[in-house]
Amino acid sequence: MTGTPIVSPGGGAPFASLSLEHSSTVDRVAEELRRALFDGEVGPGTPLREVALADAMGVSRSTIREALAVLVSEGLANREPNRGVQVASLDPDAVRDVVRARTVLEVAGVRAWACASEESRDVVRRALADFTSAAEGEPTLTELTAAHLAIHRAFVGLIESPRLAALAESLSAEVRLGLAKVDRIRRNAREQVRTHGALIEQLEGGEIEAAAAELARHLAHGEESMRQALDLTAREPADPHG
């Protein structure tokens, strides 16, 4: 004996609205947690306890658990055995290593400008336009940092390698919180737009090596700013040869 199929009044899939509502709740919780991280309300290494967060936000622990999984997938939080989920943190060696890897990838990207497809070059141009629009408006730090990092991922995209693009994505995730803190301290988004715009003008004008050198300087300066913003400089071991 077969049962009668459950059909929603509108003829669509049953319970679709319930699934959508739950999904949107998880998204809202993840966005609120993201905002707290980017605004500096919750610092690196802070435990993100399910019970406390569920009570504070008035949602179920399962919703918090799913939202935390989103943050972990974005590199904004880490899940450790027997310790739960914590806000991601960077040490000096990690910052140095990430910037070194980004420099290799992004400089290779700008050097590929001349042989890249017009579509890949347009991604760079659109990323700059989006960053400009964000800087001229009233964006959240989440939006501003995302727009900033999109330009750098677009540089890697000029190589037109999906594997390298995926690597660039993972590297961006590791520095998102650090870069957000730099942006929060500096408040110089429009200056950053001009810097990136000048670099892209060099590419458009065929000054490839000049653009590559400028990008390397930009990333090195960004590393130092991030180390200062994260208060990592003081943790450096003394140079035994200094």
C-alpha atoms as a PDB file:
ATOM      1  CA  MET A   1       0.000   0.000   0.000  1.00  0.00           C
ATOM      2  CA  THR A   2       1.407   3.330  -0.977  1.00  0.00           C
ATOM      3  CA  GLY A   3       0.811   6.518   0.916  1.00  0.00           C
ATOM      4  CA  THR A   4      -0.560   9.708  -0.545  1.00  0.00           C
ATOM      5  CA  PRO A   5       2.256  12.054  -1.626  1.00  0.00           C
ATOM      6  CA  ILE A   6       2.489  15.228   0.397  1.00  0.00           C
ATOM      7  CA  VAL A   7       2.088  18.190  -1.906  1.00  0.00           C
ATOM      8  CA  SER A   8       2.385  21.803  -0.826  1.00  0.00           C
ATOM      9  CA  PRO A   9      -0.599  24.087  -1.538  1.00  0.00           C
ATOM     10  CA  GLY A  10       1.308  25.810  -4.323  1.00  0.00           C
ATOM     11  CA  GLY A  11       2.242  22.536  -5.936  1.00  0.00           C
ATOM     12  CA  GLY A  12       5.944  22.881  -5.075  1.00  0.00           C
ATOM     13  CA  ALA A  13       8.215  20.619  -3.093  1.00  0.00           C
ATOM     14  CA  PRO A  14       6.946  19.924   0.441  1.00  0.00           C
ATOM     15  CA  PHE A  15       8.667  21.735   3.328  1.00  0.00           C
ATOM     16  CA  ALA A  16      10.789  23.836   0.958  1.00  0.00           C
ATOM     17  CA  SER A  17       9.956  27.001   2.882  1.00  0.00           C
ATOM     18  CA  LEU A  18      11.024  25.419   6.173  1.00  0.00           C
ATOM     19  CA  SER A  19      14.399  24.505   4.725  1.00  0.00           C
ATOM     20  CA  LEU A  20      14.850  27.987   3.322  1.00  0.00           C
ATOM     21  CA  GLU A  21      13.905  29.611   6.619  1.00  0.00           C
ATOM     22  CA  HIS A  22      16.412  27.488   8.537  1.00  0.00           C
ATOM     23  CA  SER A  23      19.094  28.214   5.975  1.00  0.00           C
ATOM     24  CA  SER A  24      18.466  31.939   6.204  1.00  0.00           C
ATOM     25  CA  THR A  25      18.666  31.776  10.014  1.00  0.00           C
ATOM     26  CA  VAL A  26      22.057  30.069   9.818  1.00  0.00           C
ATOM     27  CA  ASP A  27      23.194  32.691   7.308  1.00  0.00           C
ATOM     28  CA  ARG A  28      22.060  35.529   9.582  1.00  0.00           C
ATOM     29  CA  VAL A  29      23.823  34.031  12.588  1.00  0.00           C
ATOM     30  CA  ALA A  30      27.009  33.491  10.560  1.00  0.00           C
ATOM     31  CA  GLU A  31      26.875  37.080   9.314  1.00  0.00           C
ATOM     32  CA  GLU A  32      26.426  38.468  12.836  1.00  0.00           C
ATOM     33  CA  LEU A  33      29.354  36.398  14.095  1.00  0.00           C
ATOM     34  CA  ARG A  34      31.397  37.522  11.102  1.00  0.00           C
ATOM     35  CA  ARG A  35      30.588  41.150  11.890  1.00  0.00           C
ATOM     36  CA  ALA A  36      31.665  40.712  15.520  1.00  0.00           C
ATOM     37  CA  LEU A  37      34.968  39.201  14.406  1.00  0.00           C
ATOM     38  CA  PHE A  38      35.685  41.854  11.787  1.00  0.00           C
ATOM     39  CA  ASP A  39      34.692  44.704  14.106  1.00  0.00           C
ATOM     40  CA  GLY A  40      37.087  43.407  16.751  1.00  0.00           C
ATOM     41  CA  GLU A  41      34.394  42.639  19.324  1.00  0.00           C
ATOM     42  CA  VAL A  42      35.691  39.070  19.533  1.00  0.00           C
ATOM     43  CA  GLY A  43      39.464  38.704  19.415  1.00  0.00           C
ATOM     44  CA  PRO A  44      41.743  36.016  17.951  1.00  0.00           C
ATOM     45  CA  GLY A  45      41.808  32.798  19.960  1.00  0.00           C
ATOM     46  CA  THR A  46      38.490  33.506  21.710  1.00  0.00           C
ATOM     47  CA  PRO A  47      36.464  30.299  22.271  1.00  0.00           C
ATOM     48  CA  LEU A  48      33.109  30.312  20.477  1.00  0.00           C
ATOM     49  CA  ARG A  49      30.901  28.325  22.857  1.00  0.00           C
ATOM     50  CA  GLU A  50      27.703  26.907  21.405  1.00  0.00           C
ATOM     51  CA  VAL A  51      25.626  27.247  24.584  1.00  0.00           C
ATOM     52  CA  ALA A  52      26.658  30.836  25.301  1.00  0.00           C
ATOM     53  CA  LEU A  53      26.138  31.904  21.693  1.00  0.00           C
ATOM     54  CA  ALA A  54      22.767  30.160  21.453  1.00  0.00           C
ATOM     55  CA  ASP A  55      21.574  31.922  24.618  1.00  0.00           C
ATOM     56  CA  ALA A  56      22.903  35.301  23.483  1.00  0.00           C
ATOM     57  CA  MET A  57      21.385  35.089  20.000  1.00  0.00           C
ATOM     58  CA  GLY A  58      18.163  33.303  20.877  1.00  0.00           C
ATOM     59  CA  VAL A  59      18.634  30.388  18.493  1.00  0.00           C
ATOM     60  CA  SER A  60      19.215  26.664  18.841  1.00  0.00           C
ATOM     61  CA  ARG A  61      22.606  25.079  19.401  1.00  0.00           C
ATOM     62  CA  SER A  62      22.263  23.239  16.092  1.00  0.00           C
ATOM     63  CA  THR A  63      21.903  26.589  14.305  1.00  0.00           C
ATOM     64  CA  ILE A  64      25.004  27.901  16.084  1.00  0.00           C
ATOM     65  CA  ARG A  65      26.859  24.700  15.197  1.00  0.00           C
ATOM     66  CA  GLU A  66      26.055  25.140  11.503  1.00  0.00           C
ATOM     67  CA  ALA A  67      26.993  28.832  11.569  1.00  0.00           C
ATOM     68  CA  LEU A  68      30.320  28.003  13.216  1.00  0.00           C
ATOM     69  CA  ALA A  69      30.956  25.411  10.508  1.00  0.00           C
ATOM     70  CA  VAL A  70      30.553  28.211   7.960  1.00  0.00           C
ATOM     71  CA  LEU A  71      33.154  30.338   9.771  1.00  0.00           C
ATOM     72  CA  VAL A  72      35.546  27.384   9.951  1.00  0.00           C
ATOM     73  CA  SER A  73      35.138  26.763   6.212  1.00  0.00           C
ATOM     74  CA  GLU A  74      35.962  30.442   5.581  1.00  0.00           C
ATOM     75  CA  GLY A  75      39.124  30.284   7.681  1.00  0.00           C
ATOM     76  CA  LEU A  76      37.737  32.717  10.259  1.00  0.00           C
ATOM     77  CA  ALA A  77      37.650  30.104  13.015  1.00  0.00           C
ATOM     78  CA  ASN A  78      39.416  26.844  13.847  1.00  0.00           C
ATOM     79  CA  ARG A  79      37.966  23.644  15.252  1.00  0.00           C
ATOM     80  CA  GLU A  80      40.339  21.729  17.527  1.00  0.00           C
ATOM     81  CA  PRO A  81      39.771  18.317  19.145  1.00  0.00           C
ATOM     82  CA  ASN A  82      38.603  18.601  22.759  1.00  0.00           C
ATOM     83  CA  ARG A  83      38.734  22.404  22.568  1.00  0.00           C
ATOM     84  CA  GLY A  84      35.845  23.231  20.278  1.00  0.00           C
ATOM     85  CA  VAL A  85      35.809  26.227  17.953  1.00  0.00           C
ATOM     86  CA  GLN A  86      37.996  29.287  18.425  1.00  0.00           C
ATOM     87  CA  VAL A  87      38.466  32.512  16.483  1.00  0.00           C
ATOM     88  CA  ALA A  88      41.392  32.052  14.103  1.00  0.00           C
ATOM     89  CA  SER A  89      44.688  33.621  15.082  1.00  0.00           C
ATOM     90  CA  LEU A  90      47.999  34.179  13.311  1.00  0.00           C
ATOM     91  CA  ASP A  91      51.535  34.026  14.651  1.00  0.00           C
ATOM     92  CA  PRO A  92      54.497  35.904  13.114  1.00  0.00           C
ATOM     93  CA  ASP A  93      55.720  32.881  11.166  1.00  0.00           C
ATOM     94  CA  ALA A  94      52.256  32.264   9.730  1.00  0.00           C
ATOM     95  CA  VAL A  95      51.887  35.886   8.615  1.00  0.00           C
ATOM     96  CA  ARG A  96      55.307  35.821   6.975  1.00  0.00           C
ATOM     97  CA  ASP A  97      54.637  32.517   5.228  1.00  0.00           C
ATOM     98  CA  VAL A  98      51.210  33.529   3.928  1.00  0.00           C
ATOM     99  CA  VAL A  99      52.537  36.818   2.552  1.00  0.00           C
ATOM    100  CA  ARG A 100      55.470  35.027   0.933  1.00  0.00           C
ATOM    101  CA  ALA A 101      53.093  32.597  -0.786  1.00  0.00           C
ATOM    102  CA  ARG A 102      50.747  35.402  -1.843  1.00  0.00           C
ATOM    103  CA  THR A 103      53.665  37.364  -3.291  1.00  0.00           C
ATOM    104  CA  VAL A 104      54.792  34.419  -5.427  1.00  0.00           C
ATOM    105  CA  LEU A 105      51.271  33.827  -6.741  1.00  0.00           C
ATOM    106  CA  GLU A 106      50.205  37.429  -7.275  1.00  0.00           C
ATOM    107  CA  VAL A 107      53.447  38.609  -8.872  1.00  0.00           C
ATOM    108  CA  ALA A 108      53.246  35.643 -11.252  1.00  0.00           C
ATOM    109  CA  GLY A 109      49.699  36.731 -11.981  1.00  0.00           C
ATOM    110  CA  VAL A 110      50.517  40.313 -12.930  1.00  0.00           C
ATOM    111  CA  ARG A 111      53.396  39.063 -15.084  1.00  0.00           C
ATOM    112  CA  ALA A 112      50.831  36.967 -16.969  1.00  0.00           C
ATOM    113  CA  TRP A 113      48.755  40.064 -17.806  1.00  0.00           C
ATOM    114  CA  ALA A 114      49.893  40.333 -21.422  1.00  0.00           C
ATOM    115  CA  CYS A 115      49.063  36.724 -22.275  1.00  0.00           C
ATOM    116  CA  ALA A 116      45.931  36.444 -20.124  1.00  0.00           C
ATOM    117  CA  SER A 117      42.509  36.366 -21.737  1.00  0.00           C
ATOM    118  CA  GLU A 118      40.479  39.545 -21.939  1.00  0.00           C
ATOM    119  CA  GLU A 119      37.951  37.866 -19.668  1.00  0.00           C
ATOM    120  CA  SER A 120      40.567  37.405 -16.925  1.00  0.00           C
ATOM    121  CA  ARG A 121      41.727  41.004 -17.301  1.00  0.00           C
ATOM    122  CA  ASP A 122      38.113  42.153 -17.042  1.00  0.00           C
ATOM    123  CA  VAL A 123      37.821  40.326 -13.706  1.00  0.00           C
ATOM    124  CA  VAL A 124      40.673  42.511 -12.408  1.00  0.00           C
ATOM    125  CA  ARG A 125      39.001  45.662 -13.728  1.00  0.00           C
ATOM    126  CA  ARG A 126      35.638  44.743 -12.201  1.00  0.00           C
ATOM    127  CA  ALA A 127      37.291  43.940  -8.877  1.00  0.00           C
ATOM    128  CA  LEU A 128      38.842  47.414  -8.832  1.00  0.00           C
ATOM    129  CA  ALA A 129      35.476  48.974  -9.708  1.00  0.00           C
ATOM    130  CA  ASP A 130      33.798  47.043  -6.887  1.00  0.00           C
ATOM    131  CA  PHE A 131      36.513  48.083  -4.412  1.00  0.00           C
ATOM    132  CA  THR A 132      36.107  51.699  -5.515  1.00  0.00           C
ATOM    133  CA  SER A 133      32.334  51.553  -5.006  1.00  0.00           C
ATOM    134  CA  ALA A 134      32.758  49.978  -1.580  1.00  0.00           C
ATOM    135  CA  ALA A 135      35.310  52.588  -0.484  1.00  0.00           C
ATOM    136  CA  GLU A 136      33.088  55.463  -1.602  1.00  0.00           C
ATOM    137  CA  GLY A 137      30.042  54.131   0.229  1.00  0.00           C
ATOM    138  CA  GLU A 138      29.498  53.046   3.812  1.00  0.00           C
ATOM    139  CA  PRO A 139      30.516  49.391   3.714  1.00  0.00           C
ATOM    140  CA  THR A 140      30.915  47.054   6.631  1.00  0.00           C
ATOM    141  CA  LEU A 141      34.457  45.880   7.310  1.00  0.00           C
ATOM    142  CA  THR A 142      33.391  42.467   6.032  1.00  0.00           C
ATOM    143  CA  GLU A 143      32.399  43.968   2.676  1.00  0.00           C
ATOM    144  CA  LEU A 144      35.449  46.227   2.447  1.00  0.00           C
ATOM    145  CA  THR A 145      37.912  43.449   3.212  1.00  0.00           C
ATOM    146  CA  ALA A 146      36.183  41.113   0.765  1.00  0.00           C
ATOM    147  CA  ALA A 147      36.390  43.736  -1.993  1.00  0.00           C
ATOM    148  CA  HIS A 148      40.062  44.382  -1.225  1.00  0.00           C
ATOM    149  CA  LEU A 149      41.017  40.709  -1.303  1.00  0.00           C
ATOM    150  CA  ALA A 150      39.011  40.144  -4.494  1.00  0.00           C
ATOM    151  CA  ILE A 151      41.503  42.302  -6.403  1.00  0.00           C
ATOM    152  CA  HIS A 152      44.407  40.213  -5.172  1.00  0.00           C
ATOM    153  CA  ARG A 153      42.655  36.967  -6.082  1.00  0.00           C
ATOM    154  CA  ALA A 154      41.926  38.453  -9.510  1.00  0.00           C
ATOM    155  CA  PHE A 155      45.661  38.990 -10.007  1.00  0.00           C
ATOM    156  CA  VAL A 156      46.209  35.269  -9.441  1.00  0.00           C
ATOM    157  CA  GLY A 157      43.311  34.588 -11.789  1.00  0.00           C
ATOM    158  CA  LEU A 158      45.388  36.045 -14.628  1.00  0.00           C
ATOM    159  CA  ILE A 159      47.433  32.818 -14.558  1.00  0.00           C
ATOM    160  CA  GLU A 160      44.196  30.990 -15.438  1.00  0.00           C
ATOM    161  CA  SER A 161      44.968  27.977 -13.264  1.00  0.00           C
ATOM    162  CA  PRO A 162      42.043  26.662 -11.169  1.00  0.00           C
ATOM    163  CA  ARG A 163      44.444  25.009  -8.716  1.00  0.00           C
ATOM    164  CA  LEU A 164      46.405  28.199  -8.112  1.00  0.00           C
ATOM    165  CA  ALA A 165      43.137  30.141  -7.839  1.00  0.00           C
ATOM    166  CA  ALA A 166      41.985  27.709  -5.130  1.00  0.00           C
ATOM    167  CA  LEU A 167      45.295  28.157  -3.308  1.00  0.00           C
ATOM    168  CA  ALA A 168      44.902  31.946  -3.479  1.00  0.00           C
ATOM    169  CA  GLU A 169      41.407  31.590  -2.027  1.00  0.00           C
ATOM    170  CA  SER A 170      42.698  29.602   0.937  1.00  0.00           C
ATOM    171  CA  LEU A 171      45.512  32.106   1.556  1.00  0.00           C
ATOM    172  CA  SER A 172      43.009  34.969   1.500  1.00  0.00           C
ATOM    173  CA  ALA A 173      40.927  33.168   4.114  1.00  0.00           C
ATOM    174  CA  GLU A 174      43.933  32.967   6.430  1.00  0.00           C
ATOM    175  CA  VAL A 175      44.536  36.715   6.427  1.00  0.00           C
ATOM    176  CA  ARG A 176      40.973  38.054   6.297  1.00  0.00           C
ATOM    177  CA  LEU A 177      40.780  38.873  10.001  1.00  0.00           C
ATOM    178  CA  GLY A 178      44.260  40.380  10.065  1.00  0.00           C
ATOM    179  CA  LEU A 179      43.535  42.541   7.044  1.00  0.00           C
ATOM    180  CA  ALA A 180      40.208  43.605   8.538  1.00  0.00           C
ATOM    181  CA  LYS A 181      42.016  44.825  11.650  1.00  0.00           C
ATOM    182  CA  VAL A 182      44.483  46.758   9.484  1.00  0.00           C
ATOM    183  CA  ASP A 183      41.578  48.330   7.586  1.00  0.00           C
ATOM    184  CA  ARG A 184      39.812  49.138  10.864  1.00  0.00           C
ATOM    185  CA  ILE A 185      42.904  50.909  12.220  1.00  0.00           C
ATOM    186  CA  ARG A 186      43.950  52.697   9.037  1.00  0.00           C
ATOM    187  CA  ARG A 187      40.567  53.792   7.703  1.00  0.00           C
ATOM    188  CA  ASN A 188      42.320  54.532   4.401  1.00  0.00           C
ATOM    189  CA  ALA A 189      40.216  52.599   1.917  1.00  0.00           C
ATOM    190  CA  ARG A 190      40.298  55.382  -0.688  1.00  0.00           C
ATOM    191  CA  GLU A 191      44.082  55.516  -0.529  1.00  0.00           C
ATOM    192  CA  GLN A 192      44.129  51.756  -1.029  1.00  0.00           C
ATOM    193  CA  VAL A 193      41.887  52.158  -4.061  1.00  0.00           C
ATOM    194  CA  ARG A 194      44.324  54.683  -5.557  1.00  0.00           C
ATOM    195  CA  THR A 195      47.262  52.342  -4.911  1.00  0.00           C
ATOM    196  CA  HIS A 196      45.563  49.412  -6.605  1.00  0.00           C
ATOM    197  CA  GLY A 197      44.288  51.629  -9.402  1.00  0.00           C
ATOM    198  CA  ALA A 198      47.799  52.919 -10.137  1.00  0.00           C
ATOM    199  CA  LEU A 199      49.117  49.367 -10.241  1.00  0.00           C
ATOM    200  CA  ILE A 200      46.429  48.306 -12.708  1.00  0.00           C
ATOM    201  CA  GLU A 201      47.147  51.395 -14.831  1.00  0.00           C
ATOM    202  CA  GLN A 202      50.738  50.181 -15.084  1.00  0.00           C
ATOM    203  CA  LEU A 203      49.476  46.831 -16.325  1.00  0.00           C
ATOM    204  CA  GLU A 204      47.181  48.485 -18.862  1.00  0.00           C
ATOM    205  CA  GLY A 205      50.133  50.539 -20.083  1.00  0.00           C
ATOM    206  CA  GLY A 206      52.378  47.516 -20.520  1.00  0.00           C
ATOM    207  CA  GLU A 207      54.632  48.371 -17.556  1.00  0.00           C
ATOM    208  CA  ILE A 208      54.517  44.802 -16.334  1.00  0.00           C
ATOM    209  CA  GLU A 209      57.748  44.661 -14.331  1.00  0.00           C
ATOM    210  CA  ALA A 210      57.038  48.013 -12.693  1.00  0.00           C
ATOM    211  CA  ALA A 211      53.624  46.694 -11.652  1.00  0.00           C
ATOM    212  CA  ALA A 212      55.169  43.471 -10.340  1.00  0.00           C
ATOM    213  CA  ALA A 213      57.687  45.419  -8.256  1.00  0.00           C
ATOM    214  CA  GLU A 214      54.967  47.721  -6.909  1.00  0.00           C
ATOM    215  CA  LEU A 215      52.797  44.757  -5.962  1.00  0.00           C
ATOM    216  CA  ALA A 216      55.685  43.097  -4.111  1.00  0.00           C
ATOM    217  CA  ARG A 217      56.275  46.337  -2.168  1.00  0.00           C
ATOM    218  CA  HIS A 218      52.571  46.639  -1.426  1.00  0.00           C
ATOM    219  CA  LEU A 219      52.405  43.120  -0.005  1.00  0.00           C
ATOM    220  CA  ALA A 220      55.575  43.598   2.058  1.00  0.00           C
ATOM    221  CA  HIS A 221      54.138  46.802   3.519  1.00  0.00           C
ATOM    222  CA  GLY A 222      50.876  44.974   4.169  1.00  0.00           C
ATOM    223  CA  GLU A 223      52.739  42.259   6.067  1.00  0.00           C
ATOM    224  CA  GLU A 224      54.356  44.813   8.367  1.00  0.00           C
ATOM    225  CA  SER A 225      51.037  46.604   8.914  1.00  0.00           C
ATOM    226  CA  MET A 226      49.334  43.318   9.747  1.00  0.00           C
ATOM    227  CA  ARG A 227      52.041  42.321  12.207  1.00  0.00           C
ATOM    228  CA  GLN A 228      51.702  45.680  13.948  1.00  0.00           C
ATOM    229  CA  ALA A 229      47.902  45.526  13.958  1.00  0.00           C
ATOM    230  CA  LEU A 230      47.947  42.029  15.427  1.00  0.00           C
ATOM    231  CA  ASP A 231      50.638  43.064  17.931  1.00  0.00           C
ATOM    232  CA  LEU A 232      52.972  40.367  16.640  1.00  0.00           C
ATOM    233  CA  THR A 233      56.126  42.469  16.424  1.00  0.00           C
ATOM    234  CA  ALA A 234      56.664  42.345  20.179  1.00  0.00           C
ATOM    235  CA  ARG A 235      56.530  38.549  20.095  1.00  0.00           C
ATOM    236  CA  GLU A 236      59.455  38.220  17.703  1.00  0.00           C
ATOM    237  CA  PRO A 237      62.415  36.396  19.268  1.00  0.00           C
ATOM    238  CA  ALA A 238      65.549  38.474  19.647  1.00  0.00           C
ATOM    239  CA  ASP A 239      67.999  38.169  16.765  1.00  0.00           C
ATOM    240  CA  PRO A 240      71.025  36.306  18.197  1.00  0.00           C
ATOM    241  CA  HIS A 241      73.235  37.948  15.567  1.00  0.00           C
ATOM    242  CA  GLY A 242      71.845  41.440  16.082  1.00  0.00           C
END
